[in-house]
């Protein structure tokens, strides 16, 4: 399926506005100019600008296009299964992240999705696992984001 730019633009604006308004409720860090709300505010503003650009692009094109175009390739069993696995895996990851841990859960989810899509080369799977470990290190050690380590770390 392909969504029209105006639909995606509106969704981006809604998500960006939600992120900015939610970030305003975060407590300030004493003695620091940068606090917990800085990163979500920057990302939210990026979503707002991106959404506005998509809507402007649609309006300036001057052509009326359908809001949704169904692509038969996306309705194949493998694609639907991949989407369902992503949703289910994300839900399981969110519910049991404390018990599983960020690194094992992220690696399992990434490898399952890549495997389902047919990417079974060891180098690709290894890069996905390494990416999860690097993200964990950057967030937990460099940015001091408290991520659950799980039983293996």
N, C-alpha and C. Protein backbone atom coordinates (compact mmCIF):
# COMPACT_ATOMS: atom_id res chain seq x y z
N UNK A 1 0.83 -1.17 0.00
CA UNK A 1 0.00 0.00 0.00
C UNK A 1 0.88 1.24 0.00
N UNK A 2 0.42 2.23 -0.67
CA UNK A 2 1.14 3.49 -0.70
C UNK A 2 0.18 4.59 -0.26
N UNK A 3 0.58 5.28 0.80
CA UNK A 3 -0.21 6.39 1.28
C UNK A 3 0.21 7.66 0.57
N UNK A 4 -0.73 8.53 0.35
CA UNK A 4 -0.48 9.82 -0.25
C UNK A 4 0.38 10.65 0.70
N UNK A 5 1.17 11.58 0.15
CA UNK A 5 2.03 12.42 0.97
C UNK A 5 1.25 13.23 2.00
N UNK A 6 0.05 13.64 1.66
CA UNK A 6 -0.71 14.46 2.62
C UNK A 6 -1.11 13.63 3.84
N UNK A 7 -1.40 12.36 3.66
CA UNK A 7 -1.76 11.48 4.78
C UNK A 7 -0.55 11.30 5.70
N UNK A 8 0.59 11.03 5.11
CA UNK A 8 1.81 10.85 5.90
C UNK A 8 2.20 12.17 6.56
N UNK A 9 2.05 13.28 5.85
CA UNK A 9 2.36 14.59 6.42
C UNK A 9 1.50 14.90 7.64
N UNK A 10 0.22 14.62 7.55
CA UNK A 10 -0.68 14.85 8.70
C UNK A 10 -0.29 13.95 9.87
N UNK A 11 0.03 12.69 9.57
CA UNK A 11 0.45 11.77 10.63
C UNK A 11 1.74 12.27 11.29
N UNK A 12 2.70 12.74 10.49
CA UNK A 12 3.95 13.28 11.03
C UNK A 12 3.67 14.48 11.93
N UNK A 13 2.79 15.37 11.51
CA UNK A 13 2.49 16.55 12.31
C UNK A 13 1.83 16.15 13.63
N UNK A 14 0.93 15.20 13.59
CA UNK A 14 0.28 14.75 14.83
C UNK A 14 1.29 14.11 15.78
N UNK A 15 2.15 13.26 15.25
CA UNK A 15 3.16 12.60 16.08
C UNK A 15 4.15 13.63 16.63
N UNK A 16 4.57 14.57 15.79
CA UNK A 16 5.50 15.61 16.24
C UNK A 16 4.90 16.49 17.32
N UNK A 17 3.65 16.88 17.14
CA UNK A 17 2.98 17.71 18.15
C UNK A 17 2.85 16.95 19.46
N UNK A 18 2.50 15.69 19.38
CA UNK A 18 2.38 14.87 20.59
C UNK A 18 3.73 14.77 21.31
N UNK A 19 4.81 14.56 20.55
CA UNK A 19 6.14 14.45 21.16
C UNK A 19 6.55 15.75 21.83
N UNK A 20 6.31 16.88 21.16
CA UNK A 20 6.70 18.18 21.73
C UNK A 20 5.89 18.48 22.99
N UNK A 21 4.59 18.29 22.93
CA UNK A 21 3.75 18.59 24.09
C UNK A 21 4.03 17.63 25.25
N UNK A 22 4.30 16.37 24.95
CA UNK A 22 4.62 15.41 26.01
C UNK A 22 5.98 15.74 26.63
N UNK A 23 6.94 16.15 25.80
CA UNK A 23 8.27 16.48 26.31
C UNK A 23 8.23 17.68 27.25
N UNK A 24 7.29 18.57 27.05
CA UNK A 24 7.18 19.75 27.92
C UNK A 24 6.81 19.37 29.35
N UNK A 25 6.29 18.16 29.55
CA UNK A 25 5.91 17.73 30.90
C UNK A 25 7.07 17.08 31.65
N UNK A 26 8.20 16.85 30.98
CA UNK A 26 9.33 16.21 31.62
C UNK A 26 9.98 17.18 32.61
N UNK A 27 10.49 16.69 33.72
CA UNK A 27 11.13 17.59 34.70
C UNK A 27 12.46 18.11 34.18
N UNK A 28 12.82 19.31 34.62
CA UNK A 28 14.10 19.90 34.22
C UNK A 28 15.22 19.28 35.05
N UNK A 29 16.41 19.25 34.48
CA UNK A 29 17.59 18.75 35.19
C UNK A 29 18.24 19.94 35.88
N UNK A 30 18.38 19.90 37.19
CA UNK A 30 18.99 21.03 37.90
C UNK A 30 20.43 21.26 37.45
N UNK A 31 20.75 22.49 37.15
CA UNK A 31 22.11 22.86 36.79
C UNK A 31 22.51 22.55 35.36
N UNK A 32 21.57 22.08 34.54
CA UNK A 32 21.90 21.76 33.15
C UNK A 32 20.91 22.42 32.21
N UNK A 33 21.42 22.88 31.08
CA UNK A 33 20.54 23.47 30.07
C UNK A 33 19.85 22.38 29.26
N UNK A 34 20.51 21.25 29.13
CA UNK A 34 19.96 20.13 28.37
C UNK A 34 19.37 19.14 29.36
N UNK A 35 18.09 18.83 29.17
CA UNK A 35 17.43 17.91 30.09
C UNK A 35 16.73 16.79 29.35
N UNK A 36 15.89 16.06 30.05
CA UNK A 36 15.19 14.93 29.45
C UNK A 36 14.27 15.32 28.29
N UNK A 37 13.85 16.56 28.24
CA UNK A 37 12.90 16.97 27.20
C UNK A 37 13.59 17.40 25.90
N UNK A 38 14.90 17.58 25.93
CA UNK A 38 15.60 18.12 24.76
C UNK A 38 15.48 17.22 23.54
N UNK A 39 15.87 15.97 23.68
CA UNK A 39 15.87 15.06 22.54
C UNK A 39 14.47 14.84 21.97
N UNK A 40 13.45 14.54 22.80
CA UNK A 40 12.10 14.38 22.23
C UNK A 40 11.58 15.65 21.56
N UNK A 41 11.96 16.81 22.09
CA UNK A 41 11.53 18.07 21.47
C UNK A 41 12.16 18.25 20.10
N UNK A 42 13.44 17.94 19.98
CA UNK A 42 14.13 18.06 18.69
C UNK A 42 13.52 17.10 17.67
N UNK A 43 13.30 15.86 18.08
CA UNK A 43 12.70 14.87 17.18
C UNK A 43 11.28 15.30 16.80
N UNK A 44 10.50 15.76 17.77
CA UNK A 44 9.14 16.23 17.50
C UNK A 44 9.12 17.38 16.52
N UNK A 45 10.04 18.33 16.68
CA UNK A 45 10.12 19.45 15.74
C UNK A 45 10.51 18.97 14.35
N UNK A 46 11.38 17.97 14.29
CA UNK A 46 11.73 17.38 12.99
C UNK A 46 10.52 16.76 12.31
N UNK A 47 9.70 16.07 13.09
CA UNK A 47 8.47 15.50 12.55
C UNK A 47 7.53 16.60 12.07
N UNK A 48 7.41 17.69 12.83
CA UNK A 48 6.54 18.80 12.43
C UNK A 48 7.00 19.41 11.11
N UNK A 49 8.30 19.66 11.00
CA UNK A 49 8.84 20.25 9.76
C UNK A 49 8.69 19.28 8.60
N UNK A 50 9.01 18.01 8.82
CA UNK A 50 8.87 17.01 7.76
C UNK A 50 7.44 16.87 7.29
N UNK A 51 6.49 16.87 8.22
CA UNK A 51 5.08 16.79 7.86
C UNK A 51 4.63 18.00 7.06
N UNK A 52 5.09 19.18 7.47
CA UNK A 52 4.74 20.40 6.74
C UNK A 52 5.31 20.37 5.33
N UNK A 53 6.53 19.86 5.17
CA UNK A 53 7.14 19.77 3.84
C UNK A 53 6.35 18.81 2.96
N UNK A 54 5.95 17.66 3.50
CA UNK A 54 5.16 16.71 2.70
C UNK A 54 3.82 17.29 2.27
N UNK A 55 3.16 18.00 3.17
CA UNK A 55 1.87 18.61 2.82
C UNK A 55 2.07 19.71 1.77
N UNK A 56 3.11 20.53 1.95
CA UNK A 56 3.39 21.59 0.97
C UNK A 56 3.72 20.99 -0.39
N UNK A 57 4.49 19.91 -0.40
CA UNK A 57 4.84 19.23 -1.66
C UNK A 57 3.58 18.75 -2.37
N UNK A 58 2.65 18.19 -1.62
CA UNK A 58 1.39 17.70 -2.20
C UNK A 58 0.58 18.86 -2.77
N UNK A 59 0.48 19.95 -2.02
CA UNK A 59 -0.31 21.10 -2.47
C UNK A 59 0.32 21.75 -3.69
N UNK A 60 1.64 21.90 -3.69
CA UNK A 60 2.33 22.55 -4.81
C UNK A 60 2.31 21.69 -6.07
N UNK A 61 2.19 20.38 -5.92
CA UNK A 61 2.13 19.50 -7.10
C UNK A 61 0.86 19.77 -7.89
N UNK A 62 -0.20 20.15 -7.21
CA UNK A 62 -1.44 20.51 -7.88
C UNK A 62 -2.21 19.36 -8.49
N UNK A 63 -1.79 18.15 -8.27
CA UNK A 63 -2.49 17.00 -8.82
C UNK A 63 -3.24 16.28 -7.71
N UNK A 64 -4.48 15.97 -7.98
CA UNK A 64 -5.25 15.19 -7.02
C UNK A 64 -4.88 13.72 -7.18
N UNK A 65 -4.48 13.12 -6.09
CA UNK A 65 -4.10 11.71 -6.11
C UNK A 65 -4.90 10.98 -5.04
N UNK A 66 -5.15 9.69 -5.23
CA UNK A 66 -5.88 8.95 -4.20
C UNK A 66 -5.08 8.91 -2.89
N UNK A 67 -5.79 8.88 -1.78
CA UNK A 67 -5.13 8.87 -0.48
C UNK A 67 -4.42 7.56 -0.20
N UNK A 68 -4.90 6.47 -0.81
CA UNK A 68 -4.31 5.16 -0.59
C UNK A 68 -4.35 4.36 -1.88
N UNK A 69 -3.21 3.80 -2.23
CA UNK A 69 -3.12 2.94 -3.41
C UNK A 69 -2.67 1.56 -2.93
N UNK A 70 -3.48 0.56 -3.18
CA UNK A 70 -3.15 -0.81 -2.76
C UNK A 70 -2.17 -1.42 -3.75
N UNK A 71 -1.08 -1.93 -3.23
CA UNK A 71 -0.07 -2.60 -4.03
C UNK A 71 -0.19 -4.10 -3.74
N UNK A 72 -0.45 -4.88 -4.75
CA UNK A 72 -0.65 -6.31 -4.56
C UNK A 72 0.59 -7.01 -4.00
N UNK A 73 1.75 -6.44 -4.25
CA UNK A 73 2.98 -7.03 -3.72
C UNK A 73 3.02 -7.02 -2.20
N UNK A 74 2.40 -6.02 -1.60
CA UNK A 74 2.39 -5.93 -0.14
C UNK A 74 1.36 -6.85 0.49
N UNK A 75 0.49 -7.41 -0.30
CA UNK A 75 -0.54 -8.29 0.24
C UNK A 75 -0.12 -9.76 0.20
N UNK A 76 1.11 -10.03 -0.19
CA UNK A 76 1.61 -11.40 -0.20
C UNK A 76 1.73 -11.92 1.23
N UNK A 77 1.62 -13.23 1.37
CA UNK A 77 1.63 -13.86 2.69
C UNK A 77 2.89 -13.50 3.48
N UNK A 78 4.03 -13.48 2.81
CA UNK A 78 5.29 -13.19 3.47
C UNK A 78 5.31 -11.77 4.04
N UNK A 79 4.78 -10.82 3.30
CA UNK A 79 4.76 -9.43 3.76
C UNK A 79 3.81 -9.25 4.94
N UNK A 80 2.65 -9.86 4.85
CA UNK A 80 1.67 -9.77 5.94
C UNK A 80 2.24 -10.44 7.19
N UNK A 81 2.90 -11.59 7.02
CA UNK A 81 3.51 -12.29 8.14
C UNK A 81 4.61 -11.44 8.77
N UNK A 82 5.40 -10.78 7.94
CA UNK A 82 6.44 -9.89 8.44
C UNK A 82 5.87 -8.74 9.26
N UNK A 83 4.80 -8.15 8.77
CA UNK A 83 4.15 -7.06 9.49
C UNK A 83 3.61 -7.55 10.83
N UNK A 84 2.94 -8.71 10.81
CA UNK A 84 2.39 -9.25 12.06
C UNK A 84 3.50 -9.61 13.04
N UNK A 85 4.61 -10.16 12.53
CA UNK A 85 5.74 -10.48 13.39
C UNK A 85 6.33 -9.22 14.00
N UNK A 86 6.42 -8.17 13.23
CA UNK A 86 6.94 -6.90 13.74
C UNK A 86 6.05 -6.37 14.86
N UNK A 87 4.74 -6.39 14.64
CA UNK A 87 3.81 -5.90 15.66
C UNK A 87 3.86 -6.77 16.92
N UNK A 88 3.79 -8.08 16.74
CA UNK A 88 3.81 -9.00 17.87
C UNK A 88 5.16 -8.94 18.60
N UNK A 89 6.24 -8.93 17.83
CA UNK A 89 7.57 -8.86 18.43
C UNK A 89 7.78 -7.58 19.21
N UNK A 90 7.30 -6.46 18.68
CA UNK A 90 7.42 -5.18 19.39
C UNK A 90 6.60 -5.19 20.67
N UNK A 91 5.42 -5.79 20.61
CA UNK A 91 4.56 -5.88 21.80
C UNK A 91 5.22 -6.76 22.87
N UNK A 92 5.72 -7.92 22.48
CA UNK A 92 6.41 -8.81 23.42
C UNK A 92 7.64 -8.12 23.98
N UNK A 93 8.38 -7.43 23.13
CA UNK A 93 9.58 -6.71 23.55
C UNK A 93 9.22 -5.64 24.58
N UNK A 94 8.15 -4.89 24.34
CA UNK A 94 7.75 -3.83 25.26
C UNK A 94 7.26 -4.39 26.60
N UNK A 95 6.55 -5.50 26.56
CA UNK A 95 5.99 -6.06 27.79
C UNK A 95 7.07 -6.73 28.64
N UNK A 96 7.95 -7.49 28.01
CA UNK A 96 8.93 -8.28 28.76
C UNK A 96 10.36 -7.76 28.64
N UNK A 97 10.54 -6.48 28.37
CA UNK A 97 11.90 -5.95 28.21
C UNK A 97 12.69 -6.04 29.51
N UNK A 98 12.03 -5.88 30.64
CA UNK A 98 12.73 -5.97 31.93
C UNK A 98 13.31 -7.36 32.15
N UNK A 99 12.56 -8.39 31.79
CA UNK A 99 13.02 -9.76 32.00
C UNK A 99 14.00 -10.20 30.91
N UNK A 100 13.71 -9.85 29.67
CA UNK A 100 14.54 -10.28 28.54
C UNK A 100 15.81 -9.45 28.46
N UNK A 101 15.67 -8.15 28.61
CA UNK A 101 16.79 -7.24 28.44
C UNK A 101 16.77 -6.63 27.05
N UNK A 102 17.35 -5.45 26.93
CA UNK A 102 17.35 -4.73 25.66
C UNK A 102 18.15 -5.47 24.60
N UNK A 103 19.36 -5.87 24.94
CA UNK A 103 20.23 -6.50 23.94
C UNK A 103 19.69 -7.85 23.46
N UNK A 104 19.38 -8.80 24.33
CA UNK A 104 18.85 -10.07 23.82
C UNK A 104 17.53 -9.90 23.07
N UNK A 105 16.63 -9.09 23.62
CA UNK A 105 15.34 -8.87 22.96
C UNK A 105 15.48 -8.20 21.61
N UNK A 106 16.34 -7.18 21.55
CA UNK A 106 16.56 -6.48 20.28
C UNK A 106 17.19 -7.38 19.23
N UNK A 107 18.16 -8.18 19.66
CA UNK A 107 18.82 -9.09 18.71
C UNK A 107 17.83 -10.14 18.20
N UNK A 108 17.04 -10.72 19.11
CA UNK A 108 16.06 -11.73 18.69
C UNK A 108 15.07 -11.13 17.70
N UNK A 109 14.55 -9.94 17.99
CA UNK A 109 13.57 -9.30 17.11
C UNK A 109 14.19 -8.97 15.75
N UNK A 110 15.39 -8.39 15.76
CA UNK A 110 16.04 -8.03 14.49
C UNK A 110 16.35 -9.26 13.65
N UNK A 111 16.88 -10.30 14.28
CA UNK A 111 17.22 -11.51 13.53
C UNK A 111 15.98 -12.21 12.99
N UNK A 112 14.91 -12.23 13.77
CA UNK A 112 13.67 -12.86 13.30
C UNK A 112 13.11 -12.14 12.08
N UNK A 113 13.13 -10.82 12.12
CA UNK A 113 12.61 -10.05 10.98
C UNK A 113 13.49 -10.23 9.74
N UNK A 114 14.81 -10.19 9.93
CA UNK A 114 15.71 -10.39 8.79
C UNK A 114 15.57 -11.80 8.22
N UNK A 115 15.47 -12.79 9.09
CA UNK A 115 15.32 -14.18 8.64
C UNK A 115 14.04 -14.35 7.83
N UNK A 116 12.96 -13.75 8.31
CA UNK A 116 11.68 -13.86 7.61
C UNK A 116 11.74 -13.21 6.23
N UNK A 117 12.48 -12.13 6.12
CA UNK A 117 12.60 -11.43 4.83
C UNK A 117 13.61 -12.10 3.90
N UNK A 118 14.26 -13.14 4.35
CA UNK A 118 15.16 -13.88 3.48
C UNK A 118 16.62 -13.48 3.58
N UNK A 119 16.95 -12.60 4.52
CA UNK A 119 18.34 -12.19 4.72
C UNK A 119 18.97 -13.14 5.72
N UNK A 120 19.65 -14.17 5.20
CA UNK A 120 20.17 -15.21 6.08
C UNK A 120 21.69 -15.31 6.02
N UNK A 121 22.34 -14.37 5.39
CA UNK A 121 23.79 -14.39 5.34
C UNK A 121 24.34 -14.04 6.72
N UNK A 122 25.36 -14.77 7.18
CA UNK A 122 25.92 -14.52 8.51
C UNK A 122 26.39 -13.08 8.72
N UNK A 123 26.94 -12.46 7.68
CA UNK A 123 27.43 -11.09 7.82
C UNK A 123 26.28 -10.13 8.13
N UNK A 124 25.17 -10.27 7.43
CA UNK A 124 24.02 -9.40 7.66
C UNK A 124 23.46 -9.62 9.06
N UNK A 125 23.32 -10.87 9.46
CA UNK A 125 22.79 -11.17 10.80
C UNK A 125 23.75 -10.68 11.88
N UNK A 126 25.04 -10.82 11.63
CA UNK A 126 26.03 -10.32 12.59
C UNK A 126 26.00 -8.80 12.71
N UNK A 127 25.82 -8.12 11.58
CA UNK A 127 25.73 -6.65 11.60
C UNK A 127 24.50 -6.19 12.37
N UNK A 128 23.39 -6.90 12.22
CA UNK A 128 22.17 -6.55 12.96
C UNK A 128 22.40 -6.71 14.46
N UNK A 129 23.03 -7.81 14.85
CA UNK A 129 23.31 -8.02 16.28
C UNK A 129 24.27 -6.97 16.80
N UNK A 130 25.30 -6.66 16.03
CA UNK A 130 26.26 -5.63 16.43
C UNK A 130 25.59 -4.27 16.56
N UNK A 131 24.67 -3.96 15.66
CA UNK A 131 23.95 -2.69 15.71
C UNK A 131 23.17 -2.56 17.03
N UNK A 132 22.51 -3.63 17.44
CA UNK A 132 21.74 -3.59 18.70
C UNK A 132 22.69 -3.35 19.87
N UNK A 133 23.85 -4.01 19.88
CA UNK A 133 24.82 -3.83 20.96
C UNK A 133 25.35 -2.40 20.97
N UNK A 134 25.65 -1.84 19.81
CA UNK A 134 26.15 -0.46 19.73
C UNK A 134 25.09 0.52 20.21
N UNK A 135 23.84 0.32 19.80
CA UNK A 135 22.75 1.20 20.26
C UNK A 135 22.63 1.12 21.78
N UNK A 136 22.70 -0.09 22.32
CA UNK A 136 22.63 -0.25 23.78
C UNK A 136 23.77 0.51 24.46
N UNK A 137 24.98 0.35 23.95
CA UNK A 137 26.14 1.03 24.54
C UNK A 137 25.96 2.54 24.48
N UNK A 138 25.59 3.06 23.32
CA UNK A 138 25.45 4.51 23.18
C UNK A 138 24.37 5.06 24.11
N UNK A 139 23.23 4.39 24.16
CA UNK A 139 22.14 4.89 24.99
C UNK A 139 22.44 4.72 26.48
N UNK A 140 22.92 3.55 26.88
CA UNK A 140 23.09 3.30 28.32
C UNK A 140 24.37 3.91 28.89
N UNK A 141 25.45 3.87 28.14
CA UNK A 141 26.73 4.35 28.67
C UNK A 141 27.01 5.81 28.35
N UNK A 142 26.72 6.22 27.14
CA UNK A 142 27.05 7.58 26.73
C UNK A 142 25.96 8.59 27.08
N UNK A 143 24.69 8.19 26.91
CA UNK A 143 23.58 9.11 27.17
C UNK A 143 22.89 8.84 28.50
N UNK A 144 23.37 7.84 29.24
CA UNK A 144 22.83 7.49 30.56
C UNK A 144 21.33 7.21 30.55
N UNK A 145 20.86 6.57 29.49
CA UNK A 145 19.46 6.14 29.42
C UNK A 145 19.38 4.78 30.11
N UNK A 146 18.55 4.66 31.14
CA UNK A 146 18.50 3.39 31.85
C UNK A 146 17.75 2.31 31.06
N UNK A 147 18.51 1.46 30.39
CA UNK A 147 17.93 0.35 29.63
C UNK A 147 18.15 -0.95 30.41
N UNK A 148 17.17 -1.83 30.42
CA UNK A 148 17.35 -3.09 31.14
C UNK A 148 18.38 -3.97 30.44
N UNK A 149 19.35 -4.42 31.22
CA UNK A 149 20.42 -5.23 30.65
C UNK A 149 19.99 -6.66 30.41
N UNK A 150 19.10 -7.16 31.22
CA UNK A 150 18.68 -8.55 31.06
C UNK A 150 19.60 -9.48 31.81
N UNK A 151 19.34 -10.77 31.74
CA UNK A 151 20.10 -11.74 32.54
C UNK A 151 21.50 -12.04 32.00
N UNK A 152 21.81 -11.62 30.77
CA UNK A 152 23.07 -12.03 30.15
C UNK A 152 24.18 -11.00 30.24
N UNK A 153 23.85 -9.78 30.66
CA UNK A 153 24.88 -8.72 30.68
C UNK A 153 25.18 -8.34 32.11
